[in-house]
Amino acid sequence: MTLTQTAPDTIRVERLIDAPPETVWAYLVEDEKRGRWFAAGPLEPRVGGALTFTFDHDNLSANPVAYPEKYAASKGFVSHGTVTAFDPPRLLAFEGGTGSGEARFELTPEEGKTRLVIIHSGLLTRGDRTGTAAGWISHLDALAAVLAGGQLPDFWAAHAKSEAAAEAALPE
């Protein structure tokens, strides 16, 4: 996994996923599958399509623990947004509709696996960039665990490690 800041408001997270692009794509766009590693909810599969993501991190751990205090208010958070790019199984982008910028997912086949690049723009503060990066890193850990047939033992423990990695990797 690599994490870089590519512009003042943009981060880039890259990871090799042990599954072909068609499988990774399904976990990006299908409600039930996406809910196992990120957030559940409908996504209209077209540019301009609406999306509604409901975040319930309890579903991402084999042994759910209490939300850390700083994230407790986000339990059950619902985000409404718009699909801004849709080219199966290579490209998905969406705006979260909550001032969270645009997340762009680029999938490239690589020897039976998928090189997944997430480019997230519109992150105006360092806190936005480090927090978003930590989220993507830990959610990609959850995706890798699901694709391997399991779950993260504790999403929030993984997230704490991701926060430290993001703080160290991104400039002040």
C-alpha atoms as a PDB file:
ATOM      1  CA  MET A   1       0.000   0.000   0.000  1.00  0.00           C
ATOM      2  CA  THR A   2       1.233   3.464  -0.812  1.00  0.00           C
ATOM      3  CA  LEU A   3      -0.151   6.800   0.289  1.00  0.00           C
ATOM      4  CA  THR A   4       0.849  10.145  -1.181  1.00  0.00           C
ATOM      5  CA  GLN A   5      -0.460  13.680  -1.335  1.00  0.00           C
ATOM      6  CA  THR A   6      -0.574  14.641  -5.014  1.00  0.00           C
ATOM      7  CA  ALA A   7      -1.997  18.169  -4.696  1.00  0.00           C
ATOM      8  CA  PRO A   8      -2.813  20.493  -1.783  1.00  0.00           C
ATOM      9  CA  ASP A   9      -6.326  18.991  -1.535  1.00  0.00           C
ATOM     10  CA  THR A  10      -5.732  15.488  -2.942  1.00  0.00           C
ATOM     11  CA  ILE A  11      -4.489  12.138  -1.650  1.00  0.00           C
ATOM     12  CA  ARG A  12      -3.681   8.977  -3.572  1.00  0.00           C
ATOM     13  CA  VAL A  13      -3.946   5.515  -2.010  1.00  0.00           C
ATOM     14  CA  GLU A  14      -2.716   2.551  -4.032  1.00  0.00           C
ATOM     15  CA  ARG A  15      -2.999  -1.127  -3.155  1.00  0.00           C
ATOM     16  CA  LEU A  16      -2.681  -4.437  -4.964  1.00  0.00           C
ATOM     17  CA  ILE A  17      -5.842  -6.447  -4.233  1.00  0.00           C
ATOM     18  CA  ASP A  18      -5.774 -10.246  -4.485  1.00  0.00           C
ATOM     19  CA  ALA A  19      -8.783 -10.554  -6.788  1.00  0.00           C
ATOM     20  CA  PRO A  20      -9.498  -9.814 -10.462  1.00  0.00           C
ATOM     21  CA  PRO A  21     -10.965  -6.419 -11.405  1.00  0.00           C
ATOM     22  CA  GLU A  22     -14.460  -7.833 -11.996  1.00  0.00           C
ATOM     23  CA  THR A  23     -14.584  -9.091  -8.406  1.00  0.00           C
ATOM     24  CA  VAL A  24     -13.230  -5.856  -6.935  1.00  0.00           C
ATOM     25  CA  TRP A  25     -15.705  -3.917  -9.091  1.00  0.00           C
ATOM     26  CA  ALA A  26     -18.603  -5.930  -7.656  1.00  0.00           C
ATOM     27  CA  TYR A  27     -17.444  -4.996  -4.144  1.00  0.00           C
ATOM     28  CA  LEU A  28     -17.437  -1.329  -5.147  1.00  0.00           C
ATOM     29  CA  VAL A  29     -20.877  -1.109  -6.746  1.00  0.00           C
ATOM     30  CA  GLU A  30     -23.061  -3.842  -5.219  1.00  0.00           C
ATOM     31  CA  ASP A  31     -24.840  -2.710  -2.060  1.00  0.00           C
ATOM     32  CA  GLU A  32     -24.505  -5.885   0.032  1.00  0.00           C
ATOM     33  CA  LYS A  33     -20.883  -6.501  -0.949  1.00  0.00           C
ATOM     34  CA  ARG A  34     -19.851  -2.882  -0.392  1.00  0.00           C
ATOM     35  CA  GLY A  35     -21.531  -2.984   3.021  1.00  0.00           C
ATOM     36  CA  ARG A  36     -19.166  -5.749   4.114  1.00  0.00           C
ATOM     37  CA  TRP A  37     -16.061  -3.537   3.822  1.00  0.00           C
ATOM     38  CA  PHE A  38     -17.169   0.120   3.513  1.00  0.00           C
ATOM     39  CA  ALA A  39     -20.798   1.286   3.549  1.00  0.00           C
ATOM     40  CA  ALA A  40     -24.050  -0.263   2.373  1.00  0.00           C
ATOM     41  CA  GLY A  41     -26.663   1.464   0.288  1.00  0.00           C
ATOM     42  CA  PRO A  42     -27.921   1.888  -3.239  1.00  0.00           C
ATOM     43  CA  LEU A  43     -25.771   3.273  -6.035  1.00  0.00           C
ATOM     44  CA  GLU A  44     -27.328   4.014  -9.421  1.00  0.00           C
ATOM     45  CA  PRO A  45     -24.821   2.586 -11.946  1.00  0.00           C
ATOM     46  CA  ARG A  46     -24.444   5.585 -14.266  1.00  0.00           C
ATOM     47  CA  VAL A  47     -22.882   9.026 -14.389  1.00  0.00           C
ATOM     48  CA  GLY A  48     -25.262  11.338 -12.571  1.00  0.00           C
ATOM     49  CA  GLY A  49     -26.716   8.439 -10.594  1.00  0.00           C
ATOM     50  CA  ALA A  50     -27.645   8.924  -6.970  1.00  0.00           C
ATOM     51  CA  LEU A  51     -26.020   7.055  -4.128  1.00  0.00           C
ATOM     52  CA  THR A  52     -26.841   6.645  -0.483  1.00  0.00           C
ATOM     53  CA  PHE A  53     -24.207   5.146   1.804  1.00  0.00           C
ATOM     54  CA  THR A  54     -25.002   4.113   5.371  1.00  0.00           C
ATOM     55  CA  PHE A  55     -21.930   3.659   7.555  1.00  0.00           C
ATOM     56  CA  ASP A  56     -22.105   0.964  10.219  1.00  0.00           C
ATOM     57  CA  HIS A  57     -18.600  -0.029  11.206  1.00  0.00           C
ATOM     58  CA  ASP A  58     -19.945  -2.744  13.536  1.00  0.00           C
ATOM     59  CA  ASN A  59     -20.474  -4.812  10.377  1.00  0.00           C
ATOM     60  CA  LEU A  60     -16.761  -4.602   9.484  1.00  0.00           C
ATOM     61  CA  SER A  61     -15.322  -6.499  12.475  1.00  0.00           C
ATOM     62  CA  ALA A  62     -15.483 -10.154  13.374  1.00  0.00           C
ATOM     63  CA  ASN A  63     -15.559  -9.019  17.017  1.00  0.00           C
ATOM     64  CA  PRO A  64     -17.241  -5.586  17.068  1.00  0.00           C
ATOM     65  CA  VAL A  65     -16.089  -3.221  19.792  1.00  0.00           C
ATOM     66  CA  ALA A  66     -17.420   0.140  20.857  1.00  0.00           C
ATOM     67  CA  TYR A  67     -16.783   3.008  18.494  1.00  0.00           C
ATOM     68  CA  PRO A  68     -13.886   5.192  19.633  1.00  0.00           C
ATOM     69  CA  GLU A  69     -15.316   8.290  21.285  1.00  0.00           C
ATOM     70  CA  LYS A  70     -14.240  10.628  18.487  1.00  0.00           C
ATOM     71  CA  TYR A  71     -16.194   8.513  15.957  1.00  0.00           C
ATOM     72  CA  ALA A  72     -19.243   7.635  18.084  1.00  0.00           C
ATOM     73  CA  ALA A  73     -21.380  10.369  16.510  1.00  0.00           C
ATOM     74  CA  SER A  74     -20.733   8.915  13.045  1.00  0.00           C
ATOM     75  CA  LYS A  75     -22.395   5.570  13.828  1.00  0.00           C
ATOM     76  CA  GLY A  76     -25.166   5.096  11.303  1.00  0.00           C
ATOM     77  CA  PHE A  77     -24.138   8.198   9.334  1.00  0.00           C
ATOM     78  CA  VAL A  78     -25.903   8.438   5.970  1.00  0.00           C
ATOM     79  CA  SER A  79     -24.211  10.141   3.032  1.00  0.00           C
ATOM     80  CA  HIS A  80     -26.039  11.105  -0.137  1.00  0.00           C
ATOM     81  CA  GLY A  81     -24.050  11.773  -3.277  1.00  0.00           C
ATOM     82  CA  THR A  82     -23.707  11.512  -7.013  1.00  0.00           C
ATOM     83  CA  VAL A  83     -21.794   9.165  -9.313  1.00  0.00           C
ATOM     84  CA  THR A  84     -19.373  11.296 -11.349  1.00  0.00           C
ATOM     85  CA  ALA A  85     -17.665   8.553 -13.411  1.00  0.00           C
ATOM     86  CA  PHE A  86     -18.782   5.026 -14.239  1.00  0.00           C
ATOM     87  CA  ASP A  87     -16.823   2.749 -16.596  1.00  0.00           C
ATOM     88  CA  PRO A  88     -17.086  -0.917 -15.519  1.00  0.00           C
ATOM     89  CA  PRO A  89     -14.838  -2.519 -14.371  1.00  0.00           C
ATOM     90  CA  ARG A  90     -12.175   0.188 -14.629  1.00  0.00           C
ATOM     91  CA  LEU A  91     -13.416   3.434 -13.122  1.00  0.00           C
ATOM     92  CA  LEU A  92     -15.878   4.616 -10.505  1.00  0.00           C
ATOM     93  CA  ALA A  93     -16.006   8.087  -8.990  1.00  0.00           C
ATOM     94  CA  PHE A  94     -18.493   9.807  -6.732  1.00  0.00           C
ATOM     95  CA  GLU A  95     -18.998  12.926  -4.724  1.00  0.00           C
ATOM     96  CA  GLY A  96     -20.167  12.278  -1.191  1.00  0.00           C
ATOM     97  CA  GLY A  97     -22.422  15.298  -1.010  1.00  0.00           C
ATOM     98  CA  THR A  98     -21.242  16.206   2.493  1.00  0.00           C
ATOM     99  CA  GLY A  99     -18.327  18.435   1.563  1.00  0.00           C
ATOM    100  CA  SER A 100     -16.087  15.387   1.481  1.00  0.00           C
ATOM    101  CA  GLY A 101     -14.857  15.923  -2.071  1.00  0.00           C
ATOM    102  CA  GLU A 102     -14.669  13.310  -4.794  1.00  0.00           C
ATOM    103  CA  ALA A 103     -13.398   9.730  -4.458  1.00  0.00           C
ATOM    104  CA  ARG A 104     -12.130   8.148  -7.681  1.00  0.00           C
ATOM    105  CA  PHE A 105     -11.422   4.404  -7.941  1.00  0.00           C
ATOM    106  CA  GLU A 106      -9.200   3.216 -10.787  1.00  0.00           C
ATOM    107  CA  LEU A 107      -8.895  -0.553 -11.284  1.00  0.00           C
ATOM    108  CA  THR A 108      -6.128  -2.094 -13.401  1.00  0.00           C
ATOM    109  CA  PRO A 109      -5.596  -5.832 -13.911  1.00  0.00           C
ATOM    110  CA  GLU A 110      -2.210  -7.105 -12.796  1.00  0.00           C
ATOM    111  CA  GLU A 111      -1.383 -10.831 -13.043  1.00  0.00           C
ATOM    112  CA  GLY A 112      -4.790 -12.036 -11.820  1.00  0.00           C
ATOM    113  CA  LYS A 113      -5.002  -9.297  -9.210  1.00  0.00           C
ATOM    114  CA  THR A 114      -6.192  -5.685  -9.241  1.00  0.00           C
ATOM    115  CA  ARG A 115      -4.134  -2.560  -8.817  1.00  0.00           C
ATOM    116  CA  LEU A 116      -6.643  -0.303  -7.059  1.00  0.00           C
ATOM    117  CA  VAL A 117      -5.899   3.411  -6.940  1.00  0.00           C
ATOM    118  CA  ILE A 118      -8.118   5.742  -4.933  1.00  0.00           C
ATOM    119  CA  ILE A 119      -7.676   9.423  -5.676  1.00  0.00           C
ATOM    120  CA  HIS A 120      -9.625  11.555  -3.234  1.00  0.00           C
ATOM    121  CA  SER A 121      -9.764  15.282  -3.954  1.00  0.00           C
ATOM    122  CA  GLY A 122     -11.467  18.229  -2.306  1.00  0.00           C
ATOM    123  CA  LEU A 123      -9.879  17.613   1.102  1.00  0.00           C
ATOM    124  CA  LEU A 124      -9.250  21.161   2.288  1.00  0.00           C
ATOM    125  CA  THR A 125      -7.413  20.655   5.581  1.00  0.00           C
ATOM    126  CA  ARG A 126      -4.599  18.380   6.700  1.00  0.00           C
ATOM    127  CA  GLY A 127      -7.051  16.810   9.152  1.00  0.00           C
ATOM    128  CA  ASP A 128      -9.420  16.044   6.252  1.00  0.00           C
ATOM    129  CA  ARG A 129      -6.566  14.471   4.286  1.00  0.00           C
ATOM    130  CA  THR A 130      -5.154  12.365   7.134  1.00  0.00           C
ATOM    131  CA  GLY A 131      -8.600  11.291   8.337  1.00  0.00           C
ATOM    132  CA  THR A 132      -9.756  10.337   4.854  1.00  0.00           C
ATOM    133  CA  ALA A 133      -6.490   8.510   4.133  1.00  0.00           C
ATOM    134  CA  ALA A 134      -6.777   6.561   7.381  1.00  0.00           C
ATOM    135  CA  GLY A 135     -10.337   5.639   6.476  1.00  0.00           C
ATOM    136  CA  TRP A 136      -9.405   4.396   3.019  1.00  0.00           C
ATOM    137  CA  ILE A 137      -6.436   2.400   4.332  1.00  0.00           C
ATOM    138  CA  SER A 138      -8.489   0.660   6.998  1.00  0.00           C
ATOM    139  CA  HIS A 139     -11.440   0.088   4.667  1.00  0.00           C
ATOM    140  CA  LEU A 140      -9.078  -1.474   2.105  1.00  0.00           C
ATOM    141  CA  ASP A 141      -7.775  -3.724   4.902  1.00  0.00           C
ATOM    142  CA  ALA A 142     -11.409  -4.719   5.483  1.00  0.00           C
ATOM    143  CA  LEU A 143     -11.893  -5.370   1.747  1.00  0.00           C
ATOM    144  CA  ALA A 144      -8.787  -7.573   1.619  1.00  0.00           C
ATOM    145  CA  ALA A 145     -10.035  -9.559   4.626  1.00  0.00           C
ATOM    146  CA  VAL A 146     -13.485 -10.039   3.066  1.00  0.00           C
ATOM    147  CA  LEU A 147     -11.995 -11.142  -0.259  1.00  0.00           C
ATOM    148  CA  ALA A 148      -9.850 -13.655   1.653  1.00  0.00           C
ATOM    149  CA  GLY A 149     -13.040 -15.133   3.125  1.00  0.00           C
ATOM    150  CA  GLY A 150     -13.004 -13.475   6.536  1.00  0.00           C
ATOM    151  CA  GLN A 151     -13.277 -10.173   8.357  1.00  0.00           C
ATOM    152  CA  LEU A 152     -10.941  -7.900  10.241  1.00  0.00           C
ATOM    153  CA  PRO A 153     -10.894  -8.992  13.873  1.00  0.00           C
ATOM    154  CA  ASP A 154     -11.271  -5.357  15.006  1.00  0.00           C
ATOM    155  CA  PHE A 155     -11.871  -2.588  12.460  1.00  0.00           C
ATOM    156  CA  TRP A 156     -11.107   0.158  14.982  1.00  0.00           C
ATOM    157  CA  ALA A 157      -7.703  -1.339  15.885  1.00  0.00           C
ATOM    158  CA  ALA A 158      -6.859  -1.409  12.165  1.00  0.00           C
ATOM    159  CA  HIS A 159      -8.116   2.152  11.847  1.00  0.00           C
ATOM    160  CA  ALA A 160      -5.871   3.348  14.700  1.00  0.00           C
ATOM    161  CA  LYS A 161      -2.834   1.919  12.856  1.00  0.00           C
ATOM    162  CA  SER A 162      -4.040   3.561   9.645  1.00  0.00           C
ATOM    163  CA  GLU A 163      -4.330   6.922  11.404  1.00  0.00           C
ATOM    164  CA  ALA A 164      -0.716   6.677  12.550  1.00  0.00           C
ATOM    165  CA  ALA A 165       0.400   5.698   9.020  1.00  0.00           C
ATOM    166  CA  ALA A 166      -1.491   8.608   7.458  1.00  0.00           C
ATOM    167  CA  GLU A 167      -0.094  11.100   9.967  1.00  0.00           C
ATOM    168  CA  ALA A 168       3.438   9.908   9.183  1.00  0.00           C
ATOM    169  CA  ALA A 169       3.018   9.794   5.400  1.00  0.00           C
ATOM    170  CA  LEU A 170       1.292  13.095   4.638  1.00  0.00           C
ATOM    171  CA  PRO A 171       3.016  16.472   4.823  1.00  0.00           C
ATOM    172  CA  GLU A 172       2.156  19.128   7.387  1.00  0.00           C
END
